[in-house]
PDB file of N, CA and C in Angstrom:
ATOM      1  N   MET A   1       1.102  -1.321   0.198  1.00  0.00           N
ATOM      2  CA  MET A   1       0.050   0.236  -0.074  1.00  0.00           C
ATOM      3  C   MET A   1       0.832   1.279  -0.166  1.00  0.00           C
ATOM      4  N   LYS A   2       1.827   1.420   0.962  1.00  0.00           N
ATOM      5  CA  LYS A   2       3.034   2.302   0.233  1.00  0.00           C
ATOM      6  C   LYS A   2       3.278   3.315  -0.953  1.00  0.00           C
ATOM      7  N   LEU A   3       3.925   1.757  -1.338  1.00  0.00           N
ATOM      8  CA  LEU A   3       4.631   1.991  -2.826  1.00  0.00           C
ATOM      9  C   LEU A   3       2.571   2.653  -3.111  1.00  0.00           C
ATOM     10  N   VAL A   4       1.998   2.348  -3.578  1.00  0.00           N
ATOM     11  CA  VAL A   4       0.217   2.898  -4.539  1.00  0.00           C
ATOM     12  C   VAL A   4       0.750   4.130  -3.936  1.00  0.00           C
ATOM     13  N   THR A   5       1.019   4.556  -2.419  1.00  0.00           N
ATOM     14  CA  THR A   5       0.485   5.614  -2.442  1.00  0.00           C
ATOM     15  C   THR A   5       1.853   6.483  -2.571  1.00  0.00           C
ATOM     16  N   ALA A   6       2.875   6.406  -2.155  1.00  0.00           N
ATOM     17  CA  ALA A   6       3.947   7.015  -3.445  1.00  0.00           C
ATOM     18  C   ALA A   6       3.474   7.656  -4.861  1.00  0.00           C
ATOM     19  N   ARG A   7       3.313   6.424  -5.816  1.00  0.00           N
ATOM     20  CA  ARG A   7       3.033   6.688  -6.827  1.00  0.00           C
ATOM     21  C   ARG A   7       2.243   7.735  -7.413  1.00  0.00           C
ATOM     22  N   LEU A   8       1.156   7.595  -6.575  1.00  0.00           N
ATOM     23  CA  LEU A   8      -0.458   8.008  -6.611  1.00  0.00           C
ATOM     24  C   LEU A   8      -0.002   9.711  -6.612  1.00  0.00           C
ATOM     25  N   ILE A   9       0.982  10.053  -5.378  1.00  0.00           N
ATOM     26  CA  ILE A   9       1.507  11.423  -5.239  1.00  0.00           C
ATOM     27  C   ILE A   9       2.013  12.146  -6.400  1.00  0.00           C
ATOM     28  N   ALA A  10       2.725  11.185  -6.492  1.00  0.00           N
ATOM     29  CA  ALA A  10       4.291  11.023  -7.311  1.00  0.00           C
ATOM     30  C   ALA A  10       3.226  11.754  -9.191  1.00  0.00           C
ATOM     31  N   VAL A  11       2.117  11.024  -9.915  1.00  0.00           N
ATOM     32  CA  VAL A  11       1.164  11.051 -10.287  1.00  0.00           C
ATOM     33  C   VAL A  11       0.541  12.414 -10.210  1.00  0.00           C
ATOM     34  N   ILE A  12      -0.107  13.029  -8.960  1.00  0.00           N
ATOM     35  CA  ILE A  12      -0.312  14.307  -8.648  1.00  0.00           C
ATOM     36  C   ILE A  12       0.470  15.604  -8.906  1.00  0.00           C
ATOM     37  N   ILE A  13       2.249  15.105  -8.454  1.00  0.00           N
ATOM     38  CA  ILE A  13       2.786  16.173  -8.630  1.00  0.00           C
ATOM     39  C   ILE A  13       3.229  15.929  -9.613  1.00  0.00           C
ATOM     40  N   LEU A  14       3.285  16.188 -11.254  1.00  0.00           N
ATOM     41  CA  LEU A  14       2.731  15.538 -12.485  1.00  0.00           C
ATOM     42  C   LEU A  14       1.857  16.175 -13.171  1.00  0.00           C
ATOM     43  N   VAL A  15       0.867  16.085 -12.964  1.00  0.00           N
ATOM     44  CA  VAL A  15      -0.507  16.672 -13.323  1.00  0.00           C
ATOM     45  C   VAL A  15      -1.004  18.178 -12.944  1.00  0.00           C
ATOM     46  N   ILE A  16      -0.454  18.331 -11.963  1.00  0.00           N
ATOM     47  CA  ILE A  16      -0.437  19.627 -11.488  1.00  0.00           C
ATOM     48  C   ILE A  16      -0.131  20.774 -12.510  1.00  0.00           C
ATOM     49  N   PRO A  17       1.846  20.768 -13.277  1.00  0.00           N
ATOM     50  CA  PRO A  17       2.134  21.495 -14.174  1.00  0.00           C
ATOM     51  C   PRO A  17       1.988  21.194 -14.930  1.00  0.00           C
ATOM     52  N   GLY A  18       1.278  19.768 -15.769  1.00  0.00           N
ATOM     53  CA  GLY A  18       0.135  19.839 -16.375  1.00  0.00           C
ATOM     54  C   GLY A  18      -0.550  20.402 -17.044  1.00  0.00           C
ATOM     55  N   LEU A  19      -1.748  20.344 -15.712  1.00  0.00           N
ATOM     56  CA  LEU A  19      -2.304  21.583 -16.177  1.00  0.00           C
ATOM     57  C   LEU A  19      -2.155  23.131 -16.293  1.00  0.00           C
ATOM     58  N   LEU A  20      -1.667  23.674 -15.710  1.00  0.00           N
ATOM     59  CA  LEU A  20      -0.618  24.457 -15.734  1.00  0.00           C
ATOM     60  C   LEU A  20      -0.356  25.115 -16.862  1.00  0.00           C
ATOM     61  N   ALA A  21       0.320  24.092 -17.640  1.00  0.00           N
ATOM     62  CA  ALA A  21       0.485  24.050 -19.059  1.00  0.00           C
ATOM     63  C   ALA A  21      -0.158  24.492 -20.036  1.00  0.00           C
ATOM     64  N   CYS A  22      -0.863  23.337 -19.591  1.00  0.00           N
ATOM     65  CA  CYS A  22      -2.050  23.258 -20.472  1.00  0.00           C
ATOM     66  C   CYS A  22      -3.242  25.017 -20.569  1.00  0.00           C
ATOM     67  N   PHE A  23      -3.798  25.147 -19.420  1.00  0.00           N
ATOM     68  CA  PHE A  23      -4.395  26.858 -19.211  1.00  0.00           C
ATOM     69  C   PHE A  23      -3.228  27.868 -19.670  1.00  0.00           C
ATOM     70  N   GLY A  24      -2.270  27.815 -19.532  1.00  0.00           N
ATOM     71  CA  GLY A  24      -1.663  29.114 -20.387  1.00  0.00           C
ATOM     72  C   GLY A  24      -1.680  28.235 -21.599  1.00  0.00           C
ATOM     73  N   PHE A  25      -1.499  27.402 -22.698  1.00  0.00           N
ATOM     74  CA  PHE A  25      -1.356  27.164 -23.763  1.00  0.00           C
ATOM     75  C   PHE A  25      -3.317  28.175 -24.058  1.00  0.00           C
ATOM     76  N   LEU A  26      -3.709  27.651 -23.347  1.00  0.00           N
ATOM     77  CA  LEU A  26      -5.304  27.595 -23.828  1.00  0.00           C
ATOM     78  C   LEU A  26      -6.111  29.447 -23.327  1.00  0.00           C
ATOM     79  N   ARG A  27      -4.857  29.731 -22.926  1.00  0.00           N
ATOM     80  CA  ARG A  27      -4.636  31.528 -22.363  1.00  0.00           C
ATOM     81  C   ARG A  27      -4.337  32.371 -23.015  1.00  0.00           C
ATOM     82  N   MET A  28      -3.063  31.543 -23.667  1.00  0.00           N
ATOM     83  CA  MET A  28      -1.949  32.515 -25.531  1.00  0.00           C
ATOM     84  C   MET A  28      -3.617  32.152 -26.417  1.00  0.00           C
ATOM     85  N   LYS A  29      -4.203  31.142 -26.571  1.00  0.00           N
ATOM     86  CA  LYS A  29      -4.723  30.995 -27.522  1.00  0.00           C
ATOM     87  C   LYS A  29      -5.373  31.443 -28.056  1.00  0.00           C
ATOM     88  N   ASN A  30      -6.342  31.663 -26.198  1.00  0.00           N
ATOM     89  CA  ASN A  30      -7.888  32.903 -26.290  1.00  0.00           C
ATOM     90  C   ASN A  30      -7.594  34.035 -26.987  1.00  0.00           C
ATOM     91  N   GLU A  31      -6.321  34.762 -26.163  1.00  0.00           N
ATOM     92  CA  GLU A  31      -5.661  36.111 -26.045  1.00  0.00           C
ATOM     93  C   GLU A  31      -5.559  36.486 -27.932  1.00  0.00           C
ATOM     94  N   VAL A  32      -4.855  35.720 -28.817  1.00  0.00           N
ATOM     95  CA  VAL A  32      -4.696  35.581 -30.103  1.00  0.00           C
ATOM     96  C   VAL A  32      -5.542  35.979 -30.662  1.00  0.00           C
ATOM     97  N   PHE A  33      -6.695  34.508 -30.777  1.00  0.00           N
ATOM     98  CA  PHE A  33      -8.155  34.335 -31.060  1.00  0.00           C
ATOM     99  C   PHE A  33      -8.875  35.238 -31.224  1.00  0.00           C
ATOM    100  N   HIS A  34      -8.900  35.939 -30.048  1.00  0.00           N
ATOM    101  CA  HIS A  34     -10.218  37.434 -29.689  1.00  0.00           C
ATOM    102  C   HIS A  34      -9.187  38.355 -30.208  1.00  0.00           C
ATOM    103  N   TYR A  35      -7.972  38.501 -30.626  1.00  0.00           N
ATOM    104  CA  TYR A  35      -7.365  39.572 -31.305  1.00  0.00           C
ATOM    105  C   TYR A  35      -7.792  39.622 -33.233  1.00  0.00           C
ATOM    106  N   PHE A  36      -7.944  38.061 -33.269  1.00  0.00           N
ATOM    107  CA  PHE A  36      -8.163  38.167 -34.952  1.00  0.00           C
ATOM    108  C   PHE A  36      -9.488  38.252 -35.084  1.00  0.00           C
ATOM    109  N   SER A  37     -10.243  37.832 -34.125  1.00  0.00           N
ATOM    110  CA  SER A  37     -11.539  38.166 -34.207  1.00  0.00           C
ATOM    111  C   SER A  37     -12.093  39.499 -34.384  1.00  0.00           C
ATOM    112  N   ASP A  38     -11.714  40.319 -33.327  1.00  0.00           N
ATOM    113  CA  ASP A  38     -12.248  41.803 -33.636  1.00  0.00           C
ATOM    114  C   ASP A  38     -12.096  42.212 -34.720  1.00  0.00           C
ATOM    115  N   PHE A  39     -10.982  41.675 -36.215  1.00  0.00           N
ATOM    116  CA  PHE A  39     -10.828  42.756 -37.273  1.00  0.00           C
ATOM    117  C   PHE A  39     -12.581  42.282 -37.884  1.00  0.00           C
ATOM    118  N   GLY A  40     -12.631  41.797 -37.996  1.00  0.00           N
ATOM    119  CA  GLY A  40     -14.473  41.866 -38.664  1.00  0.00           C
ATOM    120  C   GLY A  40     -15.282  42.161 -38.053  1.00  0.00           C
ATOM    121  N   ASN A  41     -15.723  42.356 -36.819  1.00  0.00           N
ATOM    122  CA  ASN A  41     -16.043  43.502 -35.875  1.00  0.00           C
ATOM    123  C   ASN A  41     -15.953  45.244 -35.992  1.00  0.00           C
ATOM    124  N   ASP A  42     -16.819  46.025 -36.717  1.00  0.00           N
ATOM    125  CA  ASP A  42     -16.487  47.341 -36.496  1.00  0.00           C
ATOM    126  C   ASP A  42     -16.799  48.547 -35.585  1.00  0.00           C
ATOM    127  N   ALA A  43     -17.662  47.758 -34.734  1.00  0.00           N
ATOM    128  CA  ALA A  43     -18.137  48.410 -33.356  1.00  0.00           C
ATOM    129  C   ALA A  43     -17.198  48.229 -32.489  1.00  0.00           C
ATOM    130  N   VAL A  44     -15.987  47.326 -33.010  1.00  0.00           N
ATOM    131  CA  VAL A  44     -14.398  47.298 -31.909  1.00  0.00           C
ATOM    132  C   VAL A  44     -13.546  47.785 -32.248  1.00  0.00           C
ATOM    133  N   VAL A  45     -12.910  48.162 -32.137  1.00  0.00           N
ATOM    134  CA  VAL A  45     -11.390  48.826 -32.349  1.00  0.00           C
ATOM    135  C   VAL A  45     -10.020  47.325 -31.783  1.00  0.00           C
ATOM    136  N   PRO A  46      -9.639  46.842 -32.343  1.00  0.00           N
ATOM    137  CA  PRO A  46      -9.294  45.666 -31.852  1.00  0.00           C
ATOM    138  C   PRO A  46      -7.845  46.357 -30.571  1.00  0.00           C
ATOM    139  N   ASP A  47      -7.683  44.683 -29.703  1.00  0.00           N
ATOM    140  CA  ASP A  47      -6.775  45.111 -28.964  1.00  0.00           C
ATOM    141  C   ASP A  47      -6.141  44.146 -28.166  1.00  0.00           C
ATOM    142  N   PHE A  48      -5.217  44.032 -28.280  1.00  0.00           N
ATOM    143  CA  PHE A  48      -4.530  43.469 -27.661  1.00  0.00           C
ATOM    144  C   PHE A  48      -4.039  42.948 -26.284  1.00  0.00           C
ATOM    145  N   GLN A  49      -4.842  41.812 -25.501  1.00  0.00           N
ATOM    146  CA  GLN A  49      -3.869  41.962 -24.663  1.00  0.00           C
ATOM    147  C   GLN A  49      -3.153  41.063 -23.809  1.00  0.00           C
ATOM    148  N   TRP A  50      -1.866  41.852 -23.509  1.00  0.00           N
ATOM    149  CA  TRP A  50      -1.151  41.960 -23.259  1.00  0.00           C
ATOM    150  C   TRP A  50       0.237  41.241 -21.840  1.00  0.00           C
ATOM    151  N   LEU A  51      -1.024  41.288 -20.944  1.00  0.00           N
ATOM    152  CA  LEU A  51      -0.785  40.785 -20.070  1.00  0.00           C
ATOM    153  C   LEU A  51      -1.447  39.599 -19.588  1.00  0.00           C
ATOM    154  N   SER A  52      -2.668  39.633 -20.476  1.00  0.00           N
ATOM    155  CA  SER A  52      -3.403  38.087 -19.917  1.00  0.00           C
ATOM    156  C   SER A  52      -2.283  37.158 -20.939  1.00  0.00           C
ATOM    157  N   PHE A  53      -1.827  36.933 -22.006  1.00  0.00           N
ATOM    158  CA  PHE A  53      -0.700  36.776 -22.845  1.00  0.00           C
ATOM    159  C   PHE A  53       0.088  36.330 -22.116  1.00  0.00           C
ATOM    160  N   LEU A  54       0.667  37.444 -21.417  1.00  0.00           N
ATOM    161  CA  LEU A  54       2.162  36.873 -20.683  1.00  0.00           C
ATOM    162  C   LEU A  54       1.931  36.567 -19.799  1.00  0.00           C
ATOM    163  N   LEU A  55       1.273  36.981 -19.028  1.00  0.00           N
ATOM    164  CA  LEU A  55       0.671  35.017 -18.088  1.00  0.00           C
ATOM    165  C   LEU A  55       0.465  33.736 -18.921  1.00  0.00           C
ATOM    166  N   GLY A  56      -0.466  33.440 -19.843  1.00  0.00           N
ATOM    167  CA  GLY A  56      -0.646  31.993 -20.396  1.00  0.00           C
ATOM    168  C   GLY A  56       0.777  31.988 -20.621  1.00  0.00           C
ATOM    169  N   LEU A  57       1.644  32.264 -21.287  1.00  0.00           N
ATOM    170  CA  LEU A  57       2.986  32.173 -21.438  1.00  0.00           C
ATOM    171  C   LEU A  57       4.360  31.742 -20.262  1.00  0.00           C
ATOM    172  N   ILE A  58       3.763  32.147 -18.825  1.00  0.00           N
ATOM    173  CA  ILE A  58       4.304  32.119 -18.314  1.00  0.00           C
ATOM    174  C   ILE A  58       4.137  30.745 -17.266  1.00  0.00           C
ATOM    175  N   MET A  59       2.916  30.759 -17.453  1.00  0.00           N
ATOM    176  CA  MET A  59       1.796  29.613 -16.667  1.00  0.00           C
ATOM    177  C   MET A  59       2.062  27.999 -17.615  1.00  0.00           C
ATOM    178  N   PHE A  60       2.295  28.591 -19.155  1.00  0.00           N
ATOM    179  CA  PHE A  60       3.120  27.170 -19.980  1.00  0.00           C
ATOM    180  C   PHE A  60       4.193  26.929 -20.098  1.00  0.00           C
ATOM    181  N   ALA A  61       5.110  28.111 -20.073  1.00  0.00           N
ATOM    182  CA  ALA A  61       6.906  27.849 -19.839  1.00  0.00           C
ATOM    183  C   ALA A  61       7.083  26.911 -18.007  1.00  0.00           C
ATOM    184  N   ALA A  62       5.898  27.485 -17.449  1.00  0.00           N
ATOM    185  CA  ALA A  62       6.819  27.143 -15.952  1.00  0.00           C
ATOM    186  C   ALA A  62       6.005  25.614 -15.892  1.00  0.00           C
ATOM    187  N   GLY A  63       5.172  25.581 -16.063  1.00  0.00           N
ATOM    188  CA  GLY A  63       5.107  23.731 -16.207  1.00  0.00           C
ATOM    189  C   GLY A  63       5.260  22.453 -17.385  1.00  0.00           C
ATOM    190  N   ALA A  64       5.567  23.580 -18.205  1.00  0.00           N
ATOM    191  CA  ALA A  64       6.837  22.503 -19.358  1.00  0.00           C
ATOM    192  C   ALA A  64       7.425  22.313 -19.378  1.00  0.00           C
ATOM    193  N   GLY A  65       8.560  23.824 -18.641  1.00  0.00           N
ATOM    194  CA  GLY A  65       9.701  23.456 -17.865  1.00  0.00           C
ATOM    195  C   GLY A  65       9.976  22.932 -16.459  1.00  0.00           C
ATOM    196  N   PHE A  66       9.214  22.773 -15.887  1.00  0.00           N
ATOM    197  CA  PHE A  66       8.900  21.848 -14.944  1.00  0.00           C
ATOM    198  C   PHE A  66       8.691  20.209 -14.989  1.00  0.00           C
ATOM    199  N   ILE A  67       7.700  19.455 -15.995  1.00  0.00           N
ATOM    200  CA  ILE A  67       7.568  18.711 -16.610  1.00  0.00           C
ATOM    201  C   ILE A  67       9.381  18.113 -17.701  1.00  0.00           C
ATOM    202  N   GLY A  68       9.682  19.018 -18.095  1.00  0.00           N
ATOM    203  CA  GLY A  68      10.597  18.513 -19.144  1.00  0.00           C
ATOM    204  C   GLY A  68      12.354  18.501 -18.148  1.00  0.00           C
ATOM    205  N   GLY A  69      12.328  19.110 -16.626  1.00  0.00           N
ATOM    206  CA  GLY A  69      13.332  18.605 -16.114  1.00  0.00           C
ATOM    207  C   GLY A  69      13.240  17.372 -15.337  1.00  0.00           C
ATOM    208  N   TRP A  70      11.467  17.580 -14.724  1.00  0.00           N
ATOM    209  CA  TRP A  70      11.397  16.054 -14.242  1.00  0.00           C
ATOM    210  C   TRP A  70      11.969  14.624 -14.839  1.00  0.00           C
ATOM    211  N   ILE A  71      11.463  15.002 -16.092  1.00  0.00           N
ATOM    212  CA  ILE A  71      12.065  13.817 -17.374  1.00  0.00           C
ATOM    213  C   ILE A  71      13.647  13.942 -17.294  1.00  0.00           C
ATOM    214  N   PHE A  72      14.104  15.241 -17.533  1.00  0.00           N
ATOM    215  CA  PHE A  72      15.761  15.336 -17.706  1.00  0.00           C
ATOM    216  C   PHE A  72      16.663  14.270 -16.331  1.00  0.00           C
ATOM    217  N   PHE A  73      15.976  14.691 -15.760  1.00  0.00           N
ATOM    218  CA  PHE A  73      16.461  14.286 -14.313  1.00  0.00           C
ATOM    219  C   PHE A  73      16.376  12.864 -14.534  1.00  0.00           C
ATOM    220  N   ARG A  74      15.014  12.384 -14.092  1.00  0.00           N
ATOM    221  CA  ARG A  74      14.899  10.945 -13.858  1.00  0.00           C
ATOM    222  C   ARG A  74      15.954   9.994 -15.312  1.00  0.00           C
ATOM    223  N   ASP A  75      15.972  10.737 -16.912  1.00  0.00           N
ATOM    224  CA  ASP A  75      16.422  10.365 -17.616  1.00  0.00           C
ATOM    225  C   ASP A  75      18.533  10.254 -17.264  1.00  0.00           C
ATOM    226  N   ARG A  76      18.384  11.270 -16.401  1.00  0.00           N
ATOM    227  CA  ARG A  76      20.050  11.227 -16.424  1.00  0.00           C
ATOM    228  C   ARG A  76      20.467  10.074 -14.760  1.00  0.00           C
ATOM    229  N   LYS A  77      19.816  10.116 -14.024  1.00  0.00           N
ATOM    230  CA  LYS A  77      19.891   8.615 -13.196  1.00  0.00           C
ATOM    231  C   LYS A  77      19.889   7.842 -13.379  1.00  0.00           C
ATOM    232  N   ARG A  78      18.868   7.426 -14.891  1.00  0.00           N
ATOM    233  CA  ARG A  78      19.245   6.120 -15.079  1.00  0.00           C
ATOM    234  C   ARG A  78      20.160   6.175 -16.713  1.00  0.00           C
ATOM    235  N   ASN A  79      20.704   6.838 -16.460  1.00  0.00           N
ATOM    236  CA  ASN A  79      21.725   6.437 -17.710  1.00  0.00           C
ATOM    237  C   ASN A  79      21.441   6.407 -19.117  1.00  0.00           C
ATOM    238  N   TYR A  80      20.174   7.210 -19.717  1.00  0.00           N
ATOM    239  CA  TYR A  80      19.486   7.425 -20.508  1.00  0.00           C
ATOM    240  C   TYR A  80      19.978   8.513 -22.153  1.00  0.00           C
ATOM    241  N   VAL A  81      20.053   9.724 -20.878  1.00  0.00           N
ATOM    242  CA  VAL A  81      20.487  10.676 -21.906  1.00  0.00           C
ATOM    243  C   VAL A  81      21.943  10.111 -22.760  1.00  0.00           C
ATOM    244  N   ALA A  82      22.258  11.794 -23.390  1.00  0.00           N
ATOM    245  CA  ALA A  82      23.468  11.535 -23.764  1.00  0.00           C
ATOM    246  C   ALA A  82      24.636  11.670 -23.461  1.00  0.00           C
ATOM    247  N   THR A  83      26.291  11.606 -24.108  1.00  0.00           N
ATOM    248  CA  THR A  83      27.481  12.136 -22.394  1.00  0.00           C
ATOM    249  C   THR A  83      27.538  12.838 -22.257  1.00  0.00           C
ATOM    250  N   ARG A  84      27.349  14.286 -23.440  1.00  0.00           N
ATOM    251  CA  ARG A  84      27.293  15.536 -22.490  1.00  0.00           C
ATOM    252  C   ARG A  84      26.616  15.688 -21.592  1.00  0.00           C
ATOM    253  N   PHE A  85      25.440  15.326 -21.960  1.00  0.00           N
ATOM    254  CA  PHE A  85      24.539  15.621 -20.842  1.00  0.00           C
ATOM    255  C   PHE A  85      24.857  15.023 -19.315  1.00  0.00           C
ATOM    256  N   ARG A  86      25.663  13.961 -18.946  1.00  0.00           N
ATOM    257  CA  ARG A  86      25.860  12.709 -17.646  1.00  0.00           C
ATOM    258  C   ARG A  86      26.837  13.602 -16.966  1.00  0.00           C
ATOM    259  N   GLU A  87      26.891  13.368 -15.869  1.00  0.00           N
ATOM    260  CA  GLU A  87      27.867  13.683 -14.464  1.00  0.00           C
ATOM    261  C   GLU A  87      28.925  13.708 -14.739  1.00  0.00           C
ATOM    262  N   LYS A  88      29.771  14.631 -14.932  1.00  0.00           N
ATOM    263  CA  LYS A  88      31.444  14.304 -14.884  1.00  0.00           C
ATOM    264  C   LYS A  88      31.692  13.377 -13.688  1.00  0.00           C
ATOM    265  N   LYS A  89      32.922  12.376 -14.341  1.00  0.00           N
ATOM    266  CA  LYS A  89      33.497  11.995 -13.004  1.00  0.00           C
ATOM    267  C   LYS A  89      34.839  12.434 -12.943  1.00  0.00           C
ATOM    268  N   PRO A  90      35.132  12.802 -11.408  1.00  0.00           N
ATOM    269  CA  PRO A  90      36.426  13.537 -11.266  1.00  0.00           C
ATOM    270  C   PRO A  90      37.535  12.462 -11.200  1.00  0.00           C
ATOM    271  N   ARG A  91      38.731  13.391 -12.158  1.00  0.00           N
ATOM    272  CA  ARG A  91      39.654  12.003 -12.936  1.00  0.00           C
ATOM    273  C   ARG A  91      40.729  11.719 -11.058  1.00  0.00           C
ATOM    274  N   PRO A  92      41.064  11.287 -11.466  1.00  0.00           N
ATOM    275  CA  PRO A  92      41.953  10.368 -10.342  1.00  0.00           C
ATOM    276  C   PRO A  92      43.078  11.720 -10.343  1.00  0.00           C
ATOM    277  N   PRO A  93      44.073  12.339  -9.508  1.00  0.00           N
ATOM    278  CA  PRO A  93      45.721  12.873 -10.012  1.00  0.00           C
ATOM    279  C   PRO A  93      46.676  12.020 -10.079  1.00  0.00           C
ATOM    280  N   LYS A  94      47.227  13.098 -11.283  1.00  0.00           N
ATOM    281  CA  LYS A  94      48.449  12.259 -11.926  1.00  0.00           C
ATOM    282  C   LYS A  94      49.190  11.856 -10.936  1.00  0.00           C
ATOM    283  N   PRO A  95      49.934  10.477 -11.085  1.00  0.00           N
ATOM    284  CA  PRO A  95      50.852  10.697  -9.515  1.00  0.00           C
ATOM    285  C   PRO A  95      52.070  11.586  -9.720  1.00  0.00           C
ATOM    286  N   GLN A  96      53.020  11.850  -8.745  1.00  0.00           N
ATOM    287  CA  GLN A  96      54.180  12.976  -8.889  1.00  0.00           C
ATOM    288  C   GLN A  96      55.358  12.033  -9.312  1.00  0.00           C
ATOM    289  N   ALA A  97      56.477  12.425  -9.808  1.00  0.00           N
ATOM    290  CA  ALA A  97      57.793  12.147 -10.345  1.00  0.00           C
ATOM    291  C   ALA A  97      58.616  11.583  -9.445  1.00  0.00           C
TER     292      ALA A  97
END
């Protein structure tokens, strides 16, 4: 039961940033859509909502960055990454002559 609980908590920790990234993407998409859809309406002057778009960009970057970092460090621990991303092992000192 302890393993099931630990895995459930791990899934929840990954779902929350995933939802954050999803809502950030939707917020950016909606702002771009509303800006371009206002061009067909003569009663409204098109105005881009920069603050809402930037908030969506920050949400998307934070969520995607968290999930990407989690996958990277998990793969690094299991040695699945390219050689340039592996942890550097210290060299043994050269013997003195």
